């Protein structure tokens, strides 16, 4: 019973402490004492309480504009947005920081975090990739400006991830033409994709779907065009195997290759007769 009472007492005191702390914070928000707000905001920021720091920093930022503390206030405000996952606000504020304080020791960090903010805003590959492209542009600017940065390895990892997402987006768009049986558009789109992304991990799939679209056109062509198109298909088939001798599409490619030869043989026999 004594232990239980002590436990209840601890809980009660904790609640009082929390309520008291909340009241103090609310009073600070409503206060006109900008210096007290600035000091409290910095303390909250250093303790990782970014939401509390953020509300105070938003209030004091206009008051400190042009003053020595302004550089710290703007950076802390941008970083508090970043740490509370309000990435577009963070990106905007980090850009404001780098433009306002180009000689700051924290410009490198701010430029990287601005790019990283757009990285976090990058959506699934199936959606609009405007923020993905912006993130790539910002990361490239950062890499070019600070090639020896401590953030360089991470920046390069982010670039590869974002680039792969764009490649997947374009590949799926090209593949969609095949799905809806617009084979000519599929071929053109896939050829452009392979030319634009020669080192892409989706190259094997792009070559395969180009072959499939070409196959559908060739098999269903009129006789005077069919031979030429079937022979071009054999060239595509050999190219795939040359680049990907152990391709995951081996079974389907082999079946279609055998069918191509059968059709060519049939045409030859018919022509001979």
Protein backbone atom coordinates (compact mmCIF):
# COMPACT_ATOMS: atom_id res chain seq x y z
CA UNK A 1 0.00 0.00 0.00
CA UNK A 2 2.87 2.38 0.86
CA UNK A 3 4.55 1.65 -2.47
CA UNK A 4 1.26 2.20 -4.29
CA UNK A 5 0.80 5.59 -2.62
CA UNK A 6 4.35 6.61 -3.53
CA UNK A 7 3.69 5.55 -7.13
CA UNK A 8 0.50 7.63 -7.28
CA UNK A 9 2.35 10.57 -5.78
CA UNK A 10 5.08 10.36 -8.44
CA UNK A 11 2.50 10.29 -11.21
CA UNK A 12 0.67 13.25 -9.68
CA UNK A 13 3.90 15.27 -9.41
CA UNK A 14 4.81 14.41 -12.98
CA UNK A 15 1.47 15.65 -14.22
CA UNK A 16 1.88 18.88 -12.27
CA UNK A 17 5.36 19.32 -13.73
CA UNK A 18 4.15 18.75 -17.29
CA UNK A 19 1.17 21.08 -16.92
CA UNK A 20 3.40 23.70 -15.34
CA UNK A 21 5.89 23.36 -18.18
CA UNK A 22 3.14 23.69 -20.78
CA UNK A 23 1.82 26.78 -19.07
CA UNK A 24 5.31 28.32 -19.01
CA UNK A 25 5.77 27.58 -22.71
CA UNK A 26 2.38 29.07 -23.56
CA UNK A 27 3.22 32.19 -21.58
CA UNK A 28 6.48 32.46 -23.49
CA UNK A 29 4.65 32.22 -26.82
CA UNK A 30 2.35 35.05 -25.75
CA UNK A 31 5.23 37.11 -24.37
CA UNK A 32 6.77 40.19 -26.00
CA UNK A 33 10.22 39.28 -24.66
CA UNK A 34 12.04 38.33 -27.89
CA UNK A 35 15.34 37.70 -26.14
CA UNK A 36 13.70 35.17 -23.80
CA UNK A 37 12.03 33.53 -26.80
CA UNK A 38 15.32 33.39 -28.70
CA UNK A 39 17.18 31.80 -25.75
CA UNK A 40 14.37 29.31 -25.09
CA UNK A 41 14.16 28.42 -28.78
CA UNK A 42 17.88 27.69 -28.89
CA UNK A 43 17.59 25.51 -25.78
CA UNK A 44 14.65 23.59 -27.21
CA UNK A 45 16.53 23.19 -30.50
CA UNK A 46 19.66 21.86 -28.78
CA UNK A 47 17.54 19.41 -26.77
CA UNK A 48 15.86 18.11 -29.93
CA UNK A 49 12.44 19.58 -29.12
CA UNK A 50 12.11 20.95 -32.64
CA UNK A 51 8.37 21.65 -32.65
CA UNK A 52 8.61 23.90 -29.60
CA UNK A 53 11.73 25.56 -30.97
CA UNK A 54 10.05 26.06 -34.33
CA UNK A 55 7.06 28.03 -33.00
CA UNK A 56 9.33 30.38 -31.09
CA UNK A 57 11.74 30.78 -34.01
CA UNK A 58 8.89 31.67 -36.35
CA UNK A 59 7.97 34.47 -33.96
CA UNK A 60 11.45 35.89 -33.43
CA UNK A 61 12.85 35.57 -36.98
CA UNK A 62 11.37 38.88 -38.22
CA UNK A 63 12.54 40.61 -35.04
CA UNK A 64 16.17 39.55 -35.51
CA UNK A 65 16.44 40.29 -39.21
CA UNK A 66 19.63 42.28 -39.82
CA UNK A 67 21.02 41.49 -36.37
CA UNK A 68 24.05 39.28 -35.54
CA UNK A 69 21.80 36.47 -34.28
CA UNK A 70 19.80 36.35 -37.53
CA UNK A 71 22.10 33.78 -39.17
CA UNK A 72 21.58 31.31 -36.33
CA UNK A 73 17.85 31.99 -36.17
CA UNK A 74 17.30 31.32 -39.89
CA UNK A 75 19.38 28.14 -39.86
CA UNK A 76 17.70 26.81 -36.73
CA UNK A 77 14.28 27.63 -38.22
CA UNK A 78 15.09 25.81 -41.46
CA UNK A 79 16.48 22.82 -39.58
CA UNK A 80 13.49 22.70 -37.24
CA UNK A 81 11.22 22.47 -40.30
CA UNK A 82 13.43 19.68 -41.62
CA UNK A 83 13.35 17.75 -38.35
CA UNK A 84 9.57 18.04 -38.11
CA UNK A 85 9.24 16.73 -41.69
CA UNK A 86 7.92 19.93 -43.21
CA UNK A 87 10.30 19.54 -46.08
CA UNK A 88 9.05 22.15 -48.55
CA UNK A 89 9.23 24.82 -45.85
CA UNK A 90 12.69 23.52 -44.91
CA UNK A 91 13.87 23.68 -48.54
CA UNK A 92 12.59 27.23 -48.91
CA UNK A 93 14.23 28.35 -45.66
CA UNK A 94 17.56 26.64 -46.38
CA UNK A 95 17.64 28.36 -49.76
CA UNK A 96 16.90 31.65 -48.00
CA UNK A 97 19.81 30.93 -45.65
CA UNK A 98 22.35 30.18 -48.40
CA UNK A 99 21.37 33.32 -50.31
CA UNK A 100 21.38 35.54 -47.24
CA UNK A 101 24.61 34.16 -45.72
CA UNK A 102 26.76 32.86 -48.61
CA UNK A 103 29.94 33.04 -46.50
CA UNK A 104 28.51 31.21 -43.51
CA UNK A 105 30.32 28.13 -42.25
CA UNK A 106 27.00 26.29 -42.46
CA UNK A 107 26.34 26.99 -46.15
CA UNK A 108 27.56 23.53 -47.14
CA UNK A 109 25.24 21.83 -44.68
CA UNK A 110 22.32 24.10 -45.62
CA UNK A 111 22.77 23.41 -49.34
CA UNK A 112 22.83 19.67 -48.73
CA UNK A 113 19.78 19.75 -46.46
CA UNK A 114 17.89 21.84 -49.00
CA UNK A 115 18.53 19.14 -51.62
CA UNK A 116 17.68 16.41 -49.11
CA UNK A 117 14.39 18.15 -48.32
CA UNK A 118 13.36 17.78 -51.96
CA UNK A 119 14.56 14.16 -51.85
CA UNK A 120 12.07 13.49 -49.04
CA UNK A 121 9.34 15.17 -51.08
CA UNK A 122 10.02 12.88 -54.04
CA UNK A 123 6.88 10.72 -54.50
CA UNK A 124 6.31 7.16 -55.73
CA UNK A 125 7.61 6.61 -59.28
CA UNK A 126 4.06 6.45 -60.69
CA UNK A 127 3.30 10.05 -59.66
CA UNK A 128 4.56 13.37 -61.01
CA UNK A 129 8.34 13.55 -60.60
CA UNK A 130 8.80 17.32 -60.43
CA UNK A 131 10.26 17.22 -56.91
CA UNK A 132 12.49 14.28 -57.89
CA UNK A 133 14.01 16.32 -60.72
CA UNK A 134 14.41 19.34 -58.44
CA UNK A 135 16.16 17.16 -55.85
CA UNK A 136 18.54 15.82 -58.52
CA UNK A 137 19.33 19.34 -59.72
CA UNK A 138 19.97 20.55 -56.17
CA UNK A 139 22.14 17.54 -55.34
CA UNK A 140 24.19 18.04 -58.50
CA UNK A 141 24.74 21.69 -57.62
CA UNK A 142 25.88 20.62 -54.15
CA UNK A 143 28.24 17.92 -55.50
CA UNK A 144 29.78 20.34 -58.02
CA UNK A 145 30.25 23.05 -55.40
CA UNK A 146 31.56 20.83 -52.59
CA UNK A 147 33.30 17.80 -54.16
CA UNK A 148 35.22 17.09 -50.95
CA UNK A 149 32.23 17.41 -48.62
CA UNK A 150 31.63 15.04 -45.75
CA UNK A 151 28.11 14.65 -47.19
CA UNK A 152 29.38 13.61 -50.64
CA UNK A 153 28.88 9.85 -50.24
CA UNK A 154 25.33 10.30 -48.99
CA UNK A 155 24.61 12.77 -51.79
CA UNK A 156 25.80 10.25 -54.39
CA UNK A 157 23.60 7.53 -52.88
CA UNK A 158 20.58 9.84 -53.07
CA UNK A 159 21.37 10.71 -56.69
CA UNK A 160 21.45 7.03 -57.69
CA UNK A 161 18.16 6.35 -55.90
CA UNK A 162 16.40 9.32 -57.49
CA UNK A 163 17.83 8.59 -60.94
CA UNK A 164 16.64 4.99 -60.69
CA UNK A 165 13.17 6.24 -59.81
CA UNK A 166 13.08 8.44 -62.92
CA UNK A 167 14.29 5.54 -65.04
CA UNK A 168 11.57 3.30 -63.64
CA UNK A 169 8.96 5.96 -64.35
CA UNK A 170 10.05 6.30 -67.99
CA UNK A 171 10.36 2.53 -68.43
CA UNK A 172 6.85 1.91 -67.12
CA UNK A 173 5.47 4.63 -69.42
CA UNK A 174 7.19 3.01 -72.42
CA UNK A 175 6.00 -0.44 -71.38
CA UNK A 176 2.45 0.84 -71.07
CA UNK A 177 2.33 1.39 -74.85
CA UNK A 178 2.93 -2.32 -75.30
CA UNK A 179 0.24 -3.14 -72.72
CA UNK A 180 -2.37 -1.13 -74.66
CA UNK A 181 -1.14 -2.70 -77.95
CA UNK A 182 0.20 0.52 -79.42
CA UNK A 183 3.24 -1.36 -80.67
CA UNK A 184 4.75 1.32 -82.88
CA UNK A 185 4.69 3.86 -80.06
CA UNK A 186 6.11 1.22 -77.72
CA UNK A 187 9.07 0.57 -80.03
CA UNK A 188 9.84 4.26 -80.48
CA UNK A 189 9.49 5.00 -76.75
CA UNK A 190 11.64 2.02 -75.73
CA UNK A 191 14.35 2.91 -78.26
CA UNK A 192 14.44 6.46 -76.86
CA UNK A 193 14.57 5.08 -73.32
CA UNK A 194 17.56 2.84 -74.11
CA UNK A 195 19.36 5.73 -75.83
CA UNK A 196 18.71 8.13 -72.95
CA UNK A 197 19.65 5.66 -70.16
CA UNK A 198 22.34 3.37 -71.62
CA UNK A 199 23.47 2.17 -68.18
CA UNK A 200 20.03 1.70 -66.66
CA UNK A 201 19.12 -1.43 -64.74
CA UNK A 202 15.91 -1.52 -66.80
CA UNK A 203 17.77 -1.91 -70.10
CA UNK A 204 17.22 -5.68 -70.28
CA UNK A 205 13.47 -5.23 -69.79
CA UNK A 206 13.36 -2.41 -72.32
CA UNK A 207 15.08 -4.53 -74.96
CA UNK A 208 12.72 -7.43 -74.22
CA UNK A 209 9.58 -5.31 -74.59
CA UNK A 210 10.95 -3.73 -77.76
CA UNK A 211 11.37 -7.27 -79.07
CA UNK A 212 7.79 -8.19 -78.02
CA UNK A 213 6.29 -5.13 -79.72
CA UNK A 214 8.32 -5.77 -82.87
CA UNK A 215 7.28 -9.43 -82.78
CA UNK A 216 3.58 -8.55 -82.70
CA UNK A 217 3.98 -6.21 -85.67
CA UNK A 218 6.09 -8.70 -87.66
CA UNK A 219 3.87 -11.75 -87.08
CA UNK A 220 0.80 -9.81 -88.16
CA UNK A 221 2.40 -8.06 -91.16
CA UNK A 222 1.43 -8.54 -94.79
CA UNK A 223 3.66 -10.98 -96.65
CA UNK A 224 5.77 -8.45 -98.59
CA UNK A 225 6.86 -6.81 -95.28
CA UNK A 226 6.92 -9.86 -93.05
CA UNK A 227 10.24 -11.39 -94.10
CA UNK A 228 12.20 -8.18 -93.52
CA UNK A 229 10.55 -7.60 -90.14
CA UNK A 230 11.12 -11.18 -89.00
CA UNK A 231 14.78 -10.93 -89.96
CA UNK A 232 15.05 -7.70 -87.95
CA UNK A 233 13.51 -9.58 -85.04
CA UNK A 234 16.31 -12.14 -85.19
CA UNK A 235 18.81 -9.28 -84.94
CA UNK A 236 16.97 -7.97 -81.83
CA UNK A 237 16.94 -11.48 -80.37
CA UNK A 238 20.70 -11.89 -80.89
CA UNK A 239 21.38 -8.45 -79.37
CA UNK A 240 19.50 -9.35 -76.21
CA UNK A 241 21.44 -12.59 -75.83
CA UNK A 242 24.72 -10.83 -76.58
CA UNK A 243 24.19 -8.35 -73.73
CA UNK A 244 22.27 -10.71 -71.44
CA UNK A 245 23.24 -14.33 -72.17
CA UNK A 246 21.44 -15.48 -69.02
CA UNK A 247 18.43 -13.22 -69.45
CA UNK A 248 15.41 -13.86 -67.25
CA UNK A 249 13.29 -13.85 -70.43
CA UNK A 250 15.09 -16.85 -71.99
CA UNK A 251 12.09 -19.18 -72.19
CA UNK A 252 9.75 -16.72 -73.91
CA UNK A 253 12.46 -15.42 -76.23
CA UNK A 254 13.40 -18.96 -77.27
CA UNK A 255 9.78 -19.88 -78.00
CA UNK A 256 9.26 -16.78 -80.11
CA UNK A 257 12.61 -17.23 -81.87
CA UNK A 258 11.62 -20.77 -82.85
CA UNK A 259 8.28 -19.49 -84.10
CA UNK A 260 10.02 -16.79 -86.16
CA UNK A 261 12.15 -19.45 -87.87
CA UNK A 262 9.09 -21.61 -88.47
CA UNK A 263 7.24 -18.72 -90.09
CA UNK A 264 10.27 -17.83 -92.25
CA UNK A 265 10.61 -21.46 -93.31
CA UNK A 266 6.91 -21.63 -94.13
CA UNK A 267 7.13 -18.45 -96.23
CA UNK A 268 10.18 -19.83 -98.04
CA UNK A 269 8.42 -23.12 -98.79
CA UNK A 270 5.32 -21.30 -100.05
CA UNK A 271 7.40 -19.02 -102.26
CA UNK A 272 9.37 -21.97 -103.69
CA UNK A 273 6.18 -23.82 -104.57
